[in-house]
Amino acid sequence: MDDGERRRRPIPSDRRGDLLAGARDEAARRRPADLLTRWSTDATVGPSPVDLRTSVAFDALALDAAEAYEGVLLSPVTPLGSTSVLAPTSQDRALSTIRASEVVSDPTNVLALECGRRLRADPTAHVRLCTTHQVLRMQPAGNEPGRTLHFRLFVLADAGPGLADDGFEVAAVVSQLEAHRRILDLAGRTRDVHWNRPAAIVRSDGTSPALLERVLTAIGSAQPDVDVRTEPLVSDYYHGLRVGYGVHTANGDFAEIVDLGLFDWVAQLTSNRRHRFVASAIGIQLLAMLFTDA
């Protein structure tokens, strides 16, 4: 589409009234039986397989394990484009609304916005945030155990100016992985979660071998019982480095339940190339679904 075609298209605010009217008309045509059918057959709207008390207990456990991070309670929605503007991913991944917003599909992107807001006010700050969120993604969930269209994530984020010798990135990676390890340890002691043999897969695109070596050394020093191995990074979603962290189930299957990465999103938001952003997420509902006897 060229610039002329873009200018001829109605701007979103011009179309919003028509779209809202269409939604009202569609809702008016539906009967109670239609709602029940949709509720019973649409995985995007049905309840989670994890009961609420269990979910809240795991949320509390995760927050207790990450005391160094400020807890943020996010809105269910975020500005339209939060999924696709900062990261190379399709907007189709999110449930977009007709009010210039989208349902949160990844709290990592949303925490990047909050980090960017704070760093714009104080470019020298070290921002450390965490959140739990029930996210919704529109792509197929697949057949892997524990995967659903809406699910619970616990997310950690560090943002701030870079340091010499990749000091910011290395410290953030270690801090976040230690928090995730505390979650696993606490879950084992208090929630009857059974796991063993933790492992980390460090993936690098090869652009910064020094960073890779520093991260490998730091993880090995902080968690000497973790099996650390390397793989090539083939995704451009991450900024050069990604760490997968997981454990084995009682029957020996490996579950990579933590995804950690370096991103350039905050640097984009603040227009400051010195700003670093490291974030990670643990599939908190997987602890209940894959590692307990329930």
Protein backbone atom coordinates (compact mmCIF):
# COMPACT_ATOMS: atom_id res chain seq x y z
CA MET A 1 0.00 0.00 0.00
CA ASP A 2 1.47 3.38 -1.01
CA ASP A 3 1.12 6.67 0.90
CA GLY A 4 -1.73 7.83 -1.33
CA GLU A 5 -3.77 4.73 -0.59
CA ARG A 6 -3.14 5.17 3.13
CA ARG A 7 -4.36 8.77 3.02
CA ARG A 8 -7.55 7.75 1.20
CA ARG A 9 -8.47 5.12 3.77
CA PRO A 10 -10.70 6.29 6.65
CA ILE A 11 -8.77 6.95 9.83
CA PRO A 12 -9.61 4.56 12.68
CA SER A 13 -11.70 7.12 14.58
CA ASP A 14 -13.90 7.56 11.48
CA ARG A 15 -14.58 3.83 11.32
CA ARG A 16 -14.99 3.19 15.04
CA GLY A 17 -18.61 4.31 15.21
CA ASP A 18 -19.58 1.94 12.40
CA LEU A 19 -17.69 -0.92 14.03
CA LEU A 20 -19.35 -0.29 17.39
CA ALA A 21 -22.74 -0.19 15.71
CA GLY A 22 -21.95 -3.49 14.00
CA ALA A 23 -21.03 -5.04 17.36
CA ARG A 24 -24.29 -3.82 18.89
CA ASP A 25 -26.27 -5.28 16.01
CA GLU A 26 -24.46 -8.61 16.28
CA ALA A 27 -25.07 -8.77 20.04
CA ALA A 28 -28.76 -7.93 19.58
CA ARG A 29 -29.20 -10.91 17.26
CA ARG A 30 -27.83 -13.39 19.76
CA ARG A 31 -29.98 -15.48 22.06
CA PRO A 32 -29.09 -16.89 25.49
CA ALA A 33 -28.64 -20.31 23.88
CA ASP A 34 -26.10 -18.79 21.46
CA LEU A 35 -24.08 -17.45 24.38
CA LEU A 36 -24.02 -20.82 26.10
CA THR A 37 -22.93 -22.56 22.90
CA ARG A 38 -20.10 -20.07 22.43
CA TRP A 39 -19.08 -20.40 26.08
CA SER A 40 -19.01 -24.18 25.78
CA THR A 41 -17.09 -24.42 22.49
CA ASP A 42 -14.78 -21.38 22.24
CA ALA A 43 -11.47 -21.93 24.04
CA THR A 44 -10.77 -18.19 24.16
CA VAL A 45 -13.67 -17.54 26.54
CA GLY A 46 -13.98 -20.73 28.61
CA PRO A 47 -12.52 -21.00 32.11
CA SER A 48 -8.96 -22.09 32.81
CA PRO A 49 -8.29 -25.75 33.62
CA VAL A 50 -6.50 -24.49 36.75
CA ASP A 51 -8.91 -23.58 39.55
CA LEU A 52 -8.82 -20.06 40.94
CA ARG A 53 -7.52 -20.89 44.42
CA THR A 54 -4.61 -22.83 42.97
CA SER A 55 -3.80 -20.02 40.54
CA VAL A 56 -3.86 -17.36 43.26
CA ALA A 57 -1.64 -19.51 45.48
CA PHE A 58 0.96 -19.83 42.72
CA ASP A 59 0.75 -16.08 42.05
CA ALA A 60 1.51 -15.36 45.70
CA LEU A 61 4.35 -17.86 45.70
CA ALA A 62 5.93 -16.25 42.63
CA LEU A 63 5.65 -12.74 44.07
CA ASP A 64 7.26 -13.90 47.31
CA ALA A 65 10.15 -15.34 45.30
CA ALA A 66 10.79 -12.01 43.54
CA GLU A 67 10.86 -9.51 46.40
CA ALA A 68 13.50 -7.39 44.65
CA TYR A 69 11.02 -6.60 41.86
CA GLU A 70 8.17 -4.11 42.16
CA GLY A 71 4.82 -5.77 41.51
CA VAL A 72 2.62 -4.13 38.87
CA LEU A 73 -1.05 -4.98 38.32
CA LEU A 74 -1.65 -4.56 34.59
CA SER A 75 -4.83 -3.65 32.76
CA PRO A 76 -6.44 -6.43 30.71
CA VAL A 77 -5.75 -4.31 27.61
CA THR A 78 -2.76 -2.41 26.23
CA PRO A 79 -2.34 0.09 23.38
CA LEU A 80 -3.01 -1.33 19.93
CA GLY A 81 0.31 -2.38 18.42
CA SER A 82 2.01 -3.35 21.68
CA THR A 83 2.45 -6.82 20.21
CA SER A 84 3.65 -5.93 16.73
CA VAL A 85 5.28 -2.47 16.79
CA LEU A 86 8.18 -3.23 19.11
CA ALA A 87 8.71 -6.88 18.18
CA PRO A 88 8.77 -8.69 14.82
CA THR A 89 5.51 -10.54 15.37
CA SER A 90 2.08 -10.45 13.78
CA GLN A 91 -0.72 -8.34 15.19
CA ASP A 92 -2.91 -11.39 14.55
CA ARG A 93 -1.35 -12.96 17.65
CA ALA A 94 -3.41 -10.59 19.81
CA LEU A 95 -7.14 -10.05 20.14
CA SER A 96 -7.40 -6.49 18.82
CA THR A 97 -10.33 -4.30 19.84
CA ILE A 98 -12.10 -1.55 17.91
CA ARG A 99 -11.11 1.01 20.56
CA ALA A 100 -7.41 1.28 19.63
CA SER A 101 -6.35 -1.33 22.16
CA GLU A 102 -5.58 -5.03 22.29
CA VAL A 103 -6.02 -7.72 24.93
CA VAL A 104 -2.67 -8.42 26.57
CA SER A 105 -1.02 -11.38 24.86
CA ASP A 106 2.44 -10.89 26.38
CA PRO A 107 3.04 -8.90 29.59
CA THR A 108 6.70 -8.56 28.58
CA ASN A 109 5.77 -5.98 25.95
CA VAL A 110 3.56 -4.14 28.42
CA LEU A 111 6.25 -4.02 31.11
CA ALA A 112 8.58 -2.61 28.45
CA LEU A 113 6.12 0.27 28.05
CA GLU A 114 6.13 0.95 31.79
CA CYS A 115 9.93 0.70 31.91
CA GLY A 116 10.14 3.12 29.00
CA ARG A 117 7.84 5.58 30.76
CA ARG A 118 9.96 5.51 33.90
CA LEU A 119 13.28 5.73 32.08
CA ARG A 120 12.06 8.66 30.05
CA ALA A 121 11.55 10.46 33.36
CA ASP A 122 14.89 9.26 34.80
CA PRO A 123 17.26 7.85 32.15
CA THR A 124 19.72 6.63 34.81
CA ALA A 125 17.24 4.53 36.79
CA HIS A 126 17.35 0.75 37.16
CA VAL A 127 13.73 -0.34 36.81
CA ARG A 128 12.80 -3.77 38.16
CA LEU A 129 9.20 -4.89 37.67
CA CYS A 130 7.18 -8.08 37.88
CA THR A 131 3.60 -9.08 37.21
CA THR A 132 1.26 -12.04 36.96
CA HIS A 133 -1.29 -11.99 34.17
CA GLN A 134 -3.85 -14.19 32.46
CA VAL A 135 -2.85 -13.69 28.83
CA LEU A 136 -4.79 -14.52 25.69
CA ARG A 137 -3.18 -15.50 22.39
CA MET A 138 -5.05 -16.12 19.19
CA GLN A 139 -2.73 -18.60 17.52
CA PRO A 140 -3.44 -22.34 18.01
CA ALA A 141 -2.29 -23.64 21.38
CA GLY A 142 -0.96 -26.89 19.94
CA ASN A 143 -1.10 -30.33 21.50
CA GLU A 144 1.61 -30.00 24.13
CA PRO A 145 0.43 -30.78 27.67
CA GLY A 146 -0.62 -27.72 29.65
CA ARG A 147 -0.98 -25.41 26.62
CA THR A 148 -4.18 -23.37 26.39
CA LEU A 149 -5.26 -20.23 24.52
CA HIS A 150 -5.42 -18.19 27.72
CA PHE A 151 -2.95 -18.98 30.44
CA ARG A 152 -1.10 -17.61 33.45
CA LEU A 153 2.35 -16.04 33.20
CA PHE A 154 4.65 -14.56 35.80
CA VAL A 155 6.99 -12.02 34.24
CA LEU A 156 10.15 -10.26 35.43
CA ALA A 157 11.76 -7.24 33.79
CA ASP A 158 14.99 -5.28 34.30
CA ALA A 159 15.60 -2.05 32.40
CA GLY A 160 18.28 0.61 32.68
CA PRO A 161 21.49 1.99 31.20
CA GLY A 162 24.11 -0.47 30.04
CA LEU A 163 27.27 -1.13 32.04
CA ALA A 164 30.82 -2.07 31.09
CA ASP A 165 31.47 -5.68 30.10
CA ASP A 166 27.75 -6.40 29.65
CA GLY A 167 27.35 -5.93 33.39
CA PHE A 168 23.68 -4.97 33.26
CA GLU A 169 22.64 -7.88 31.08
CA VAL A 170 24.63 -10.49 32.98
CA ALA A 171 23.37 -9.35 36.38
CA ALA A 172 19.76 -9.26 35.16
CA VAL A 173 19.97 -12.75 33.67
CA VAL A 174 21.36 -14.17 36.91
CA SER A 175 18.86 -12.30 39.09
CA GLN A 176 15.85 -13.41 37.09
CA LEU A 177 16.92 -17.04 36.82
CA GLU A 178 17.54 -17.11 40.56
CA ALA A 179 14.01 -15.78 41.13
CA HIS A 180 12.56 -18.48 38.89
CA ARG A 181 14.59 -21.08 40.76
CA ARG A 182 13.16 -19.82 44.05
CA ILE A 183 9.67 -20.20 42.57
CA LEU A 184 10.42 -23.83 41.77
CA ASP A 185 11.95 -24.45 45.21
CA LEU A 186 8.98 -22.85 46.99
CA ALA A 187 6.51 -24.76 44.84
CA GLY A 188 8.26 -27.97 45.72
CA ARG A 189 8.10 -27.25 49.45
CA THR A 190 4.60 -25.77 49.69
CA ARG A 191 2.52 -26.90 46.68
CA ASP A 192 3.52 -30.55 46.22
CA VAL A 193 5.26 -29.78 42.91
CA HIS A 194 7.64 -32.56 41.87
CA TRP A 195 10.58 -31.72 39.60
CA ASN A 196 14.24 -32.55 39.22
CA ARG A 197 17.37 -31.93 37.12
CA PRO A 198 17.14 -28.21 36.24
CA ALA A 199 18.68 -27.20 32.94
CA ALA A 200 19.37 -23.99 31.01
CA ILE A 201 19.67 -23.66 27.25
CA VAL A 202 21.56 -20.50 26.29
CA ARG A 203 20.90 -19.49 22.70
CA SER A 204 23.04 -16.88 20.96
CA ASP A 205 23.09 -15.45 17.44
CA GLY A 206 26.89 -15.20 17.55
CA THR A 207 27.10 -11.41 17.40
CA SER A 208 28.52 -11.11 20.92
CA PRO A 209 30.62 -14.11 21.93
CA ALA A 210 31.96 -12.23 24.97
CA LEU A 211 28.42 -11.74 26.29
CA LEU A 212 27.67 -15.41 25.75
CA GLU A 213 30.73 -16.49 27.73
CA ARG A 214 29.93 -14.08 30.55
CA VAL A 215 26.37 -15.34 30.80
CA LEU A 216 27.46 -18.99 30.75
CA THR A 217 30.02 -18.36 33.49
CA ALA A 218 27.56 -16.39 35.61
CA ILE A 219 24.80 -19.01 35.40
CA GLY A 220 27.24 -21.78 36.24
CA SER A 221 28.52 -19.87 39.25
CA ALA A 222 25.07 -18.87 40.56
CA GLN A 223 23.42 -22.28 40.05
CA PRO A 224 26.14 -24.94 39.87
CA ASP A 225 23.63 -27.81 39.86
CA VAL A 226 22.05 -26.61 36.61
CA ASP A 227 22.98 -28.37 33.38
CA VAL A 228 23.92 -25.52 31.01
CA ARG A 229 24.22 -26.04 27.28
CA THR A 230 24.25 -23.80 24.22
CA GLU A 231 22.32 -23.68 20.97
CA PRO A 232 22.21 -21.26 18.03
CA LEU A 233 19.59 -18.52 18.24
CA VAL A 234 17.54 -18.53 15.05
CA SER A 235 14.80 -16.07 16.03
CA ASP A 236 15.07 -12.31 15.46
CA TYR A 237 12.47 -11.75 18.19
CA TYR A 238 15.32 -11.56 20.70
CA HIS A 239 18.24 -9.12 20.73
CA GLY A 240 21.09 -11.58 20.36
CA LEU A 241 20.54 -13.82 23.39
CA ARG A 242 17.81 -16.07 24.74
CA VAL A 243 17.84 -18.43 27.72
CA GLY A 244 15.41 -21.29 28.16
CA TYR A 245 15.22 -22.64 31.70
CA GLY A 246 13.39 -25.75 32.71
CA VAL A 247 13.18 -28.89 34.79
CA HIS A 248 12.29 -32.54 34.34
CA THR A 249 8.97 -34.01 35.40
CA ALA A 250 8.66 -37.09 37.57
CA ASN A 251 8.46 -39.28 34.45
CA GLY A 252 11.64 -37.79 33.00
CA ASP A 253 10.22 -35.36 30.43
CA PHE A 254 11.99 -32.00 30.13
CA ALA A 255 9.73 -28.93 30.29
CA GLU A 256 11.24 -25.60 29.29
CA ILE A 257 8.93 -23.44 31.39
CA VAL A 258 10.97 -20.21 31.57
CA ASP A 259 11.77 -18.04 28.56
CA LEU A 260 14.30 -15.22 29.12
CA GLY A 261 15.63 -12.82 26.54
CA LEU A 262 17.44 -9.60 25.79
CA PHE A 263 15.36 -7.08 23.84
CA ASP A 264 15.87 -3.65 22.30
CA TRP A 265 12.30 -2.54 22.98
CA VAL A 266 13.04 -0.04 25.76
CA ALA A 267 15.83 1.49 23.69
CA GLN A 268 13.27 1.99 20.93
CA LEU A 269 10.74 3.52 23.32
CA THR A 270 13.18 5.98 24.89
CA SER A 271 15.24 6.61 21.73
CA ASN A 272 18.29 5.83 23.85
CA ARG A 273 20.56 3.08 22.57
CA ARG A 274 22.22 2.78 25.98
CA HIS A 275 19.06 1.45 27.59
CA ARG A 276 18.97 -2.29 28.12
CA PHE A 277 15.95 -4.52 28.67
CA VAL A 278 16.02 -8.08 29.99
CA ALA A 279 12.77 -9.90 30.60
CA SER A 280 11.60 -13.41 31.37
CA ALA A 281 8.38 -15.32 31.88
CA ILE A 282 7.50 -18.56 33.60
CA GLY A 283 4.40 -20.49 32.60
CA ILE A 284 3.06 -20.49 36.13
CA GLN A 285 0.03 -22.64 35.29
CA LEU A 286 2.36 -25.35 33.99
CA LEU A 287 3.58 -25.94 37.53
CA ALA A 288 0.06 -26.94 38.53
CA MET A 289 -0.72 -28.86 35.34
CA LEU A 290 2.54 -30.76 34.71
CA PHE A 291 4.28 -31.15 38.06
CA THR A 292 1.59 -32.05 40.59
CA ASP A 293 -0.41 -35.20 41.19
CA ALA A 294 -3.72 -33.35 40.94
